[in-house]
C-alpha atoms as a PDB file:
ATOM      1  CA  MET A   1     109.893  15.609-143.020  1.00  0.00           C
ATOM      2  CA  THR A   2     110.329  19.285-142.514  1.00  0.00           C
ATOM      3  CA  ASP A   3     113.310  21.495-143.565  1.00  0.00           C
ATOM      4  CA  GLU A   4     114.147  21.928-139.766  1.00  0.00           C
ATOM      5  CA  THR A   5     114.421  17.910-139.312  1.00  0.00           C
ATOM      6  CA  ALA A   6     116.058  16.882-142.650  1.00  0.00           C
ATOM      7  CA  GLY A   7     119.970  16.695-142.454  1.00  0.00           C
ATOM      8  CA  PRO A   8     122.227  17.811-145.163  1.00  0.00           C
ATOM      9  CA  LEU A   9     122.334  14.317-146.525  1.00  0.00           C
ATOM     10  CA  ALA A  10     118.541  13.909-146.852  1.00  0.00           C
ATOM     11  CA  ASP A  11     118.696  13.969-150.760  1.00  0.00           C
ATOM     12  CA  ARG A  12     120.495  10.789-150.879  1.00  0.00           C
ATOM     13  CA  GLU A  13     119.139   7.159-150.724  1.00  0.00           C
ATOM     14  CA  TRP A  14     118.605   6.073-147.209  1.00  0.00           C
ATOM     15  CA  ARG A  15     116.872   3.216-145.828  1.00  0.00           C
ATOM     16  CA  PHE A  16     115.423   2.904-142.278  1.00  0.00           C
ATOM     17  CA  ILE A  17     115.409  -0.241-140.248  1.00  0.00           C
ATOM     18  CA  ALA A  18     112.965  -0.296-137.110  1.00  0.00           C
ATOM     19  CA  GLU A  19     114.089  -1.623-133.944  1.00  0.00           C
ATOM     20  CA  GLU A  20     115.210  -5.115-134.040  1.00  0.00           C
ATOM     21  CA  ALA A  21     116.138  -7.411-131.074  1.00  0.00           C
ATOM     22  CA  ARG A  22     119.125  -9.563-131.798  1.00  0.00           C
ATOM     23  CA  ASP A  23     122.032 -10.838-129.992  1.00  0.00           C
ATOM     24  CA  GLY A  24     125.461  -8.547-129.822  1.00  0.00           C
ATOM     25  CA  PRO A  25     127.494 -10.295-132.324  1.00  0.00           C
ATOM     26  CA  MET A  26     124.684 -10.234-134.754  1.00  0.00           C
ATOM     27  CA  GLN A  27     124.181  -6.479-134.243  1.00  0.00           C
ATOM     28  CA  MET A  28     127.763  -5.774-134.659  1.00  0.00           C
ATOM     29  CA  ALA A  29     128.077  -7.791-137.747  1.00  0.00           C
ATOM     30  CA  LEU A  30     125.117  -5.984-139.364  1.00  0.00           C
ATOM     31  CA  ASP A  31     126.765  -2.748-138.515  1.00  0.00           C
ATOM     32  CA  GLU A  32     129.848  -3.776-140.742  1.00  0.00           C
ATOM     33  CA  ILE A  33     127.612  -5.402-143.408  1.00  0.00           C
ATOM     34  CA  ALA A  34     125.693  -1.924-143.659  1.00  0.00           C
ATOM     35  CA  GLY A  35     129.122  -0.231-144.207  1.00  0.00           C
ATOM     36  CA  GLU A  36     129.948  -2.607-147.109  1.00  0.00           C
ATOM     37  CA  THR A  37     126.593  -2.121-148.598  1.00  0.00           C
ATOM     38  CA  ALA A  38     126.781   1.668-148.409  1.00  0.00           C
ATOM     39  CA  ALA A  39     130.408   1.395-149.960  1.00  0.00           C
ATOM     40  CA  ALA A  40     129.334  -0.502-152.986  1.00  0.00           C
ATOM     41  CA  GLY A  41     126.761   1.906-153.948  1.00  0.00           C
ATOM     42  CA  GLY A  42     123.749   0.581-151.984  1.00  0.00           C
ATOM     43  CA  PRO A  43     121.498   2.555-149.692  1.00  0.00           C
ATOM     44  CA  ARG A  44     122.909   4.224-146.536  1.00  0.00           C
ATOM     45  CA  THR A  45     121.413   3.036-143.369  1.00  0.00           C
ATOM     46  CA  VAL A  46     119.619   4.299-140.178  1.00  0.00           C
ATOM     47  CA  ARG A  47     118.470   1.959-137.835  1.00  0.00           C
ATOM     48  CA  VAL A  48     117.443   1.299-134.201  1.00  0.00           C
ATOM     49  CA  TYR A  49     118.199  -1.955-132.269  1.00  0.00           C
ATOM     50  CA  ARG A  50     117.966  -3.891-129.108  1.00  0.00           C
ATOM     51  CA  TRP A  51     120.560  -5.912-127.441  1.00  0.00           C
ATOM     52  CA  GLN A  52     118.749  -9.447-126.681  1.00  0.00           C
ATOM     53  CA  PRO A  53     120.188 -10.846-124.343  1.00  0.00           C
ATOM     54  CA  SER A  54     121.692  -8.155-122.555  1.00  0.00           C
ATOM     55  CA  THR A  55     125.212  -7.824-123.851  1.00  0.00           C
ATOM     56  CA  LEU A  56     128.592  -6.533-122.656  1.00  0.00           C
ATOM     57  CA  SER A  57     130.234  -4.852-125.784  1.00  0.00           C
ATOM     58  CA  LEU A  58     133.930  -4.412-125.254  1.00  0.00           C
ATOM     59  CA  GLY A  59     135.818  -1.439-126.910  1.00  0.00           C
ATOM     60  CA  TYR A  60     138.414  -2.380-129.447  1.00  0.00           C
ATOM     61  CA  GLY A  61     141.205  -2.307-127.485  1.00  0.00           C
ATOM     62  CA  GLN A  62     139.978  -3.250-124.132  1.00  0.00           C
ATOM     63  CA  ASP A  63     141.638  -5.918-121.899  1.00  0.00           C
ATOM     64  CA  PRO A  64     139.557  -9.040-121.224  1.00  0.00           C
ATOM     65  CA  GLU A  65     140.630  -9.229-117.833  1.00  0.00           C
ATOM     66  CA  THR A  66     138.385  -6.311-117.028  1.00  0.00           C
ATOM     67  CA  VAL A  67     135.451  -8.728-117.740  1.00  0.00           C
ATOM     68  CA  ASP A  68     133.714 -10.719-114.979  1.00  0.00           C
ATOM     69  CA  TRP A  69     133.268 -13.752-117.445  1.00  0.00           C
ATOM     70  CA  GLU A  70     131.853 -16.040-114.733  1.00  0.00           C
ATOM     71  CA  HIS A  71     129.111 -13.446-113.737  1.00  0.00           C
ATOM     72  CA  CYS A  72     128.365 -12.882-117.421  1.00  0.00           C
ATOM     73  CA  ALA A  73     128.173 -16.627-118.136  1.00  0.00           C
ATOM     74  CA  ASP A  74     125.873 -17.126-114.978  1.00  0.00           C
ATOM     75  CA  ARG A  75     123.486 -14.325-115.903  1.00  0.00           C
ATOM     76  CA  GLY A  76     123.216 -15.228-119.494  1.00  0.00           C
ATOM     77  CA  ILE A  77     125.096 -11.968-120.577  1.00  0.00           C
ATOM     78  CA  SER A  78     126.542 -12.228-123.853  1.00  0.00           C
ATOM     79  CA  VAL A  79     129.979 -10.695-124.589  1.00  0.00           C
ATOM     80  CA  THR A  80     131.238  -9.121-127.782  1.00  0.00           C
ATOM     81  CA  ARG A  81     134.006  -6.855-129.043  1.00  0.00           C
ATOM     82  CA  ARG A  82     133.125  -3.686-130.865  1.00  0.00           C
ATOM     83  CA  GLN A  83     135.160  -2.243-133.896  1.00  0.00           C
ATOM     84  CA  THR A  84     134.907   1.083-132.094  1.00  0.00           C
ATOM     85  CA  GLY A  85     137.348   2.363-129.276  1.00  0.00           C
ATOM     86  CA  GLY A  86     136.575   3.269-125.772  1.00  0.00           C
ATOM     87  CA  GLY A  87     135.649   0.995-122.826  1.00  0.00           C
ATOM     88  CA  GLY A  88     132.889  -1.787-122.184  1.00  0.00           C
ATOM     89  CA  ILE A  89     129.205  -1.074-122.128  1.00  0.00           C
ATOM     90  CA  TYR A  90     126.573  -2.883-120.544  1.00  0.00           C
ATOM     91  CA  HIS A  91     123.698  -2.849-123.025  1.00  0.00           C
ATOM     92  CA  ASP A  92     120.742  -3.951-120.895  1.00  0.00           C
ATOM     93  CA  VAL A  93     117.794  -5.455-122.925  1.00  0.00           C
ATOM     94  CA  ASP A  94     115.328  -3.227-121.426  1.00  0.00           C
ATOM     95  CA  GLY A  95     117.475   0.074-120.134  1.00  0.00           C
ATOM     96  CA  ASP A  96     119.418   0.525-123.426  1.00  0.00           C
ATOM     97  CA  VAL A  97     118.416   1.821-126.748  1.00  0.00           C
ATOM     98  CA  SER A  98     120.845   1.694-129.590  1.00  0.00           C
ATOM     99  CA  TYR A  99     121.150   3.240-133.198  1.00  0.00           C
ATOM    100  CA  SER A 100     123.480   3.189-135.955  1.00  0.00           C
ATOM    101  CA  ILE A 101     124.102   5.494-139.036  1.00  0.00           C
ATOM    102  CA  VAL A 102     125.995   4.273-142.031  1.00  0.00           C
ATOM    103  CA  ALA A 103     127.052   6.282-145.087  1.00  0.00           C
ATOM    104  CA  PRO A 104     129.852   6.553-147.757  1.00  0.00           C
ATOM    105  CA  LYS A 105     133.012   8.266-146.379  1.00  0.00           C
ATOM    106  CA  SER A 106     133.211  10.616-149.069  1.00  0.00           C
ATOM    107  CA  GLU A 107     129.761  12.286-148.045  1.00  0.00           C
ATOM    108  CA  LEU A 108     130.846  13.021-144.481  1.00  0.00           C
ATOM    109  CA  PRO A 109     133.159  15.435-143.013  1.00  0.00           C
ATOM    110  CA  GLY A 110     136.992  14.393-142.738  1.00  0.00           C
ATOM    111  CA  ASP A 111     136.922  16.286-139.409  1.00  0.00           C
ATOM    112  CA  LEU A 112     135.897  13.623-136.763  1.00  0.00           C
ATOM    113  CA  LEU A 113     134.352  16.315-134.497  1.00  0.00           C
ATOM    114  CA  GLU A 114     132.332  17.819-137.421  1.00  0.00           C
ATOM    115  CA  ALA A 115     131.334  14.231-138.327  1.00  0.00           C
ATOM    116  CA  TYR A 116     130.128  13.614-134.813  1.00  0.00           C
ATOM    117  CA  HIS A 117     128.118  16.665-134.555  1.00  0.00           C
ATOM    118  CA  LEU A 118     126.413  16.224-137.882  1.00  0.00           C
ATOM    119  CA  LEU A 119     125.588  12.388-137.235  1.00  0.00           C
ATOM    120  CA  CYS A 120     124.532  13.253-133.612  1.00  0.00           C
ATOM    121  CA  GLU A 121     121.840  15.656-134.812  1.00  0.00           C
ATOM    122  CA  PRO A 122     118.938  13.312-134.724  1.00  0.00           C
ATOM    123  CA  ILE A 123     119.669  12.073-131.380  1.00  0.00           C
ATOM    124  CA  LEU A 124     119.815  15.374-129.854  1.00  0.00           C
ATOM    125  CA  GLU A 125     116.385  16.164-131.510  1.00  0.00           C
ATOM    126  CA  ALA A 126     115.025  12.940-129.994  1.00  0.00           C
ATOM    127  CA  PHE A 127     115.952  13.898-126.503  1.00  0.00           C
ATOM    128  CA  ALA A 128     114.471  17.205-127.325  1.00  0.00           C
ATOM    129  CA  ARG A 129     111.153  15.642-128.404  1.00  0.00           C
ATOM    130  CA  LEU A 130     111.113  13.660-124.997  1.00  0.00           C
ATOM    131  CA  GLY A 131     111.395  16.919-123.104  1.00  0.00           C
ATOM    132  CA  ILE A 132     115.125  16.262-122.256  1.00  0.00           C
ATOM    133  CA  ASP A 133     117.644  18.983-122.285  1.00  0.00           C
ATOM    134  CA  ALA A 134     120.553  17.244-123.492  1.00  0.00           C
ATOM    135  CA  ASP A 135     123.736  18.396-125.206  1.00  0.00           C
ATOM    136  CA  TYR A 136     127.488  17.586-125.682  1.00  0.00           C
ATOM    137  CA  VAL A 137     129.406  17.807-122.317  1.00  0.00           C
ATOM    138  CA  SER A 138     130.869  21.432-122.321  1.00  0.00           C
ATOM    139  CA  GLU A 139     134.270  20.419-121.098  1.00  0.00           C
ATOM    140  CA  PRO A 140     136.083  17.170-120.277  1.00  0.00           C
ATOM    141  CA  VAL A 141     135.157  15.242-116.871  1.00  0.00           C
ATOM    142  CA  SER A 142     137.461  13.064-115.130  1.00  0.00           C
ATOM    143  CA  GLU A 143     137.343   9.343-115.349  1.00  0.00           C
ATOM    144  CA  ILE A 144     136.171   7.369-112.326  1.00  0.00           C
ATOM    145  CA  TRP A 145     137.321   3.922-113.948  1.00  0.00           C
ATOM    146  CA  ARG A 146     138.636   3.656-117.476  1.00  0.00           C
ATOM    147  CA  PRO A 147     137.764   0.190-118.437  1.00  0.00           C
ATOM    148  CA  ALA A 148     133.649   1.072-118.557  1.00  0.00           C
ATOM    149  CA  CYS A 149     132.761   3.480-121.241  1.00  0.00           C
ATOM    150  CA  TYR A 150     130.372   5.435-118.886  1.00  0.00           C
ATOM    151  CA  LEU A 151     132.737   5.932-116.515  1.00  0.00           C
ATOM    152  CA  ARG A 152     135.714   7.219-118.612  1.00  0.00           C
ATOM    153  CA  GLU A 153     136.691  10.858-118.833  1.00  0.00           C
ATOM    154  CA  LEU A 154     133.531  12.687-120.708  1.00  0.00           C
ATOM    155  CA  HIS A 155     134.674  14.031-124.162  1.00  0.00           C
ATOM    156  CA  PRO A 156     132.665  17.092-125.603  1.00  0.00           C
ATOM    157  CA  ALA A 157     133.120  15.589-129.088  1.00  0.00           C
ATOM    158  CA  HIS A 158     130.808  12.706-128.420  1.00  0.00           C
ATOM    159  CA  ASP A 159     129.654  12.287-124.786  1.00  0.00           C
ATOM    160  CA  ILE A 160     125.926  13.622-124.433  1.00  0.00           C
ATOM    161  CA  VAL A 161     124.715  14.656-121.004  1.00  0.00           C
ATOM    162  CA  ALA A 162     121.442  15.744-119.393  1.00  0.00           C
ATOM    163  CA  ALA A 163     121.034  17.085-115.892  1.00  0.00           C
ATOM    164  CA  GLY A 164     124.835  16.984-115.815  1.00  0.00           C
ATOM    165  CA  ARG A 165     125.222  13.233-116.190  1.00  0.00           C
ATOM    166  CA  LYS A 166     125.878  11.028-119.231  1.00  0.00           C
ATOM    167  CA  ILE A 167     122.923   9.984-121.108  1.00  0.00           C
ATOM    168  CA  SER A 168     124.381   8.907-124.349  1.00  0.00           C
ATOM    169  CA  GLY A 169     127.851   7.566-125.713  1.00  0.00           C
ATOM    170  CA  ASN A 170     128.505   7.718-129.427  1.00  0.00           C
ATOM    171  CA  ALA A 171     131.380   6.181-131.559  1.00  0.00           C
ATOM    172  CA  GLN A 172     132.349   5.638-135.022  1.00  0.00           C
ATOM    173  CA  TYR A 173     134.782   3.630-137.171  1.00  0.00           C
ATOM    174  CA  ARG A 174     135.798   4.233-140.660  1.00  0.00           C
ATOM    175  CA  ARG A 175     136.519   1.589-143.561  1.00  0.00           C
ATOM    176  CA  ARG A 176     137.998   2.610-146.612  1.00  0.00           C
ATOM    177  CA  GLU A 177     134.784   3.808-148.111  1.00  0.00           C
ATOM    178  CA  SER A 178     132.157   4.088-145.376  1.00  0.00           C
ATOM    179  CA  VAL A 179     131.594   5.396-141.984  1.00  0.00           C
ATOM    180  CA  ILE A 180     129.676   3.454-139.157  1.00  0.00           C
ATOM    181  CA  GLN A 181     128.438   5.461-136.343  1.00  0.00           C
ATOM    182  CA  HIS A 182     126.654   3.756-133.310  1.00  0.00           C
ATOM    183  CA  GLY A 183     125.595   4.874-130.149  1.00  0.00           C
ATOM    184  CA  SER A 184     123.848   3.663-126.784  1.00  0.00           C
ATOM    185  CA  LEU A 185     121.254   5.845-125.277  1.00  0.00           C
ATOM    186  CA  THR A 186     120.122   5.226-121.670  1.00  0.00           C
ATOM    187  CA  TYR A 187     116.498   4.586-121.049  1.00  0.00           C
ATOM    188  CA  SER A 188     117.045   3.310-117.551  1.00  0.00           C
ATOM    189  CA  VAL A 189     120.266   3.069-115.591  1.00  0.00           C
ATOM    190  CA  ARG A 190     120.968  -0.434-114.204  1.00  0.00           C
ATOM    191  CA  ALA A 191     123.900   0.562-112.164  1.00  0.00           C
ATOM    192  CA  ALA A 192     124.496  -2.623-110.047  1.00  0.00           C
ATOM    193  CA  GLU A 193     123.919  -4.830-113.324  1.00  0.00           C
ATOM    194  CA  HIS A 194     126.372  -2.671-115.091  1.00  0.00           C
ATOM    195  CA  LEU A 195     129.209  -2.665-112.617  1.00  0.00           C
ATOM    196  CA  ALA A 196     128.912  -6.629-112.090  1.00  0.00           C
ATOM    197  CA  ALA A 197     129.663  -7.253-115.541  1.00  0.00           C
ATOM    198  CA  PHE A 198     133.078  -5.881-114.889  1.00  0.00           C
ATOM    199  CA  ALA A 199     136.191  -7.266-112.760  1.00  0.00           C
ATOM    200  CA  GLY A 200     139.022  -5.520-110.890  1.00  0.00           C
ATOM    201  CA  HIS A 201     137.132  -2.349-110.023  1.00  0.00           C
ATOM    202  CA  ASP A 202     135.775  -0.695-106.471  1.00  0.00           C
ATOM    203  CA  VAL A 203     133.165   1.504-108.006  1.00  0.00           C
ATOM    204  CA  ASP A 204     129.753   1.224-106.333  1.00  0.00           C
ATOM    205  CA  PRO A 205     126.254   1.737-107.911  1.00  0.00           C
ATOM    206  CA  GLU A 206     125.834   5.274-106.315  1.00  0.00           C
ATOM    207  CA  GLN A 207     128.843   6.513-108.053  1.00  0.00           C
ATOM    208  CA  PHE A 208     127.661   4.916-111.235  1.00  0.00           C
ATOM    209  CA  THR A 209     124.166   6.845-110.930  1.00  0.00           C
ATOM    210  CA  GLU A 210     126.136  10.145-109.880  1.00  0.00           C
ATOM    211  CA  ARG A 211     127.748   9.856-113.397  1.00  0.00           C
ATOM    212  CA  VAL A 212     124.955   8.265-115.645  1.00  0.00           C
ATOM    213  CA  VAL A 213     121.179   9.232-116.004  1.00  0.00           C
ATOM    214  CA  GLY A 214     118.391   7.627-117.865  1.00  0.00           C
ATOM    215  CA  VAL A 215     115.479   8.916-119.589  1.00  0.00           C
ATOM    216  CA  ASP A 216     113.132   7.228-117.241  1.00  0.00           C
ATOM    217  CA  GLU A 217     114.363   9.496-114.539  1.00  0.00           C
ATOM    218  CA  LEU A 218     113.955  12.647-116.445  1.00  0.00           C
ATOM    219  CA  ALA A 219     110.775  12.192-118.457  1.00  0.00           C
ATOM    220  CA  ASP A 220     107.546  10.445-117.846  1.00  0.00           C
ATOM    221  CA  VAL A 221     107.777   8.156-121.162  1.00  0.00           C
ATOM    222  CA  SER A 222     107.956   4.416-121.720  1.00  0.00           C
ATOM    223  CA  ARG A 223     110.796   2.789-123.470  1.00  0.00           C
ATOM    224  CA  SER A 224     108.685   2.369-126.494  1.00  0.00           C
ATOM    225  CA  GLU A 225     107.859   5.986-126.530  1.00  0.00           C
ATOM    226  CA  MET A 226     111.533   6.753-126.367  1.00  0.00           C
ATOM    227  CA  VAL A 227     112.196   4.239-129.304  1.00  0.00           C
ATOM    228  CA  ALA A 228     109.534   5.735-131.454  1.00  0.00           C
ATOM    229  CA  ALA A 229     110.985   9.328-130.771  1.00  0.00           C
ATOM    230  CA  VAL A 230     114.653   8.166-131.931  1.00  0.00           C
ATOM    231  CA  GLU A 231     113.085   6.388-135.108  1.00  0.00           C
ATOM    232  CA  SER A 232     111.135   9.270-136.235  1.00  0.00           C
ATOM    233  CA  THR A 233     114.193  11.657-135.887  1.00  0.00           C
ATOM    234  CA  LEU A 234     116.669   9.414-137.660  1.00  0.00           C
ATOM    235  CA  THR A 235     113.916   9.028-140.494  1.00  0.00           C
ATOM    236  CA  GLU A 236     113.198  12.558-140.785  1.00  0.00           C
ATOM    237  CA  TRP A 237     116.936  13.535-140.759  1.00  0.00           C
ATOM    238  CA  ALA A 238     117.791  11.046-143.390  1.00  0.00           C
ATOM    239  CA  ASP A 239     114.374  11.213-145.205  1.00  0.00           C
ATOM    240  CA  ALA A 240     114.702   7.478-145.278  1.00  0.00           C
ATOM    241  CA  ASP A 241     112.315   5.073-146.797  1.00  0.00           C
ATOM    242  CA  GLY A 242     111.170   2.017-144.716  1.00  0.00           C
ATOM    243  CA  GLY A 243     113.077  -1.035-145.453  1.00  0.00           C
ATOM    244  CA  GLY A 244     114.988  -4.041-144.278  1.00  0.00           C
ATOM    245  CA  TRP A 245     117.980  -6.322-144.755  1.00  0.00           C
ATOM    246  CA  THR A 246     118.498  -8.325-148.012  1.00  0.00           C
ATOM    247  CA  ASP A 247     118.748 -12.028-147.746  1.00  0.00           C
ATOM    248  CA  ASP A 248     122.410 -11.628-148.835  1.00  0.00           C
ATOM    249  CA  GLU A 249     123.149  -9.118-146.197  1.00  0.00           C
ATOM    250  CA  LEU A 250     121.688 -11.229-143.314  1.00  0.00           C
ATOM    251  CA  GLU A 251     123.595 -14.412-144.573  1.00  0.00           C
ATOM    252  CA  ARG A 252     126.767 -12.464-144.672  1.00  0.00           C
ATOM    253  CA  ALA A 253     125.887 -11.106-141.389  1.00  0.00           C
ATOM    254  CA  ARG A 254     125.336 -14.316-139.741  1.00  0.00           C
ATOM    255  CA  GLU A 255     128.782 -15.577-140.958  1.00  0.00           C
ATOM    256  CA  ARG A 256     130.648 -12.504-139.867  1.00  0.00           C
ATOM    257  CA  ALA A 257     129.134 -12.880-136.497  1.00  0.00           C
ATOM    258  CA  ASP A 258     130.023 -16.566-136.241  1.00  0.00           C
ATOM    259  CA  GLU A 259     133.471 -15.929-137.394  1.00  0.00           C
ATOM    260  CA  LYS A 260     134.369 -12.653-135.690  1.00  0.00           C
ATOM    261  CA  TYR A 261     131.875 -11.061-133.180  1.00  0.00           C
ATOM    262  CA  ALA A 262     131.124 -14.302-131.424  1.00  0.00           C
ATOM    263  CA  ASP A 263     134.646 -15.917-131.597  1.00  0.00           C
ATOM    264  CA  ASP A 264     136.768 -16.207-128.614  1.00  0.00           C
ATOM    265  CA  GLU A 265     139.778 -15.130-130.810  1.00  0.00           C
ATOM    266  CA  TRP A 266     138.330 -11.729-131.306  1.00  0.00           C
ATOM    267  CA  VAL A 267     136.130 -11.242-128.207  1.00  0.00           C
ATOM    268  CA  ARG A 268     138.953 -12.082-125.743  1.00  0.00           C
ATOM    269  CA  ARG A 269     141.559 -10.738-127.770  1.00  0.00           C
ATOM    270  CA  ARG A 270     144.326  -9.063-125.607  1.00  0.00           C
ATOM    271  CA  PRO A 271     145.084  -5.253-126.211  1.00  0.00           C
ATOM    272  CA  ASP A 272     148.760  -6.084-127.144  1.00  0.00           C
ATOM    273  CA  ARG A 273     147.664  -8.337-130.265  1.00  0.00           C
ATOM    274  CA  SER A 274     147.299  -6.927-133.455  1.00  0.00           C
END
């Protein structure tokens, strides 16, 4: 760790969890459980994770009719619903790298923009180490198709672009005592696969690639090298010790995944339902 890469919360107790491959419901459940751990006085968490199988994560208020359920079932694509808002994201098992940062709410800025920019510091640093000039989009960019997160209006608070195209989307939700921020970083654009998971649009892959870019298009690095960069910047930013989930956390996460994130009542919930 150096003074340049350590964040302002590096004097707290953090644990780092290296990239794990799990299904979508379990990944979302683990984020929520990490929030409960931080709120209860346990360690804060920084982690990197992989969606296996490839997963379509719906935004909190997204209409399930925007999903091509038959296509997802035929291709073995898992579908879950996030706690965070925005549109759906197709997380390709090889094309996506995801992370989360979880800390007590009292330790983070109350202003949403300030909180985003604080927690995205290690993400921007990771892109820099990969030789990619990435930053927040400087001004809003009009939407192409709202139900897809990467085709929505780009927002300077949390959308990161490189070469004029979106390379990372970040979102956060707040519990009574904790903040959970997670984000998707594109290693390789899978435009046709991404669009095929959705229904009711006429967007073609060329339009998608005009909006979205992947690390592999901008730098000669492997996915594992990208993961290593993200893991190192998160670890240094938090000055985190290597760690893992407790047995209790894993048990509760499995229960939460079964009861919520894999349950049709949650996943196919209509936006007009509370």
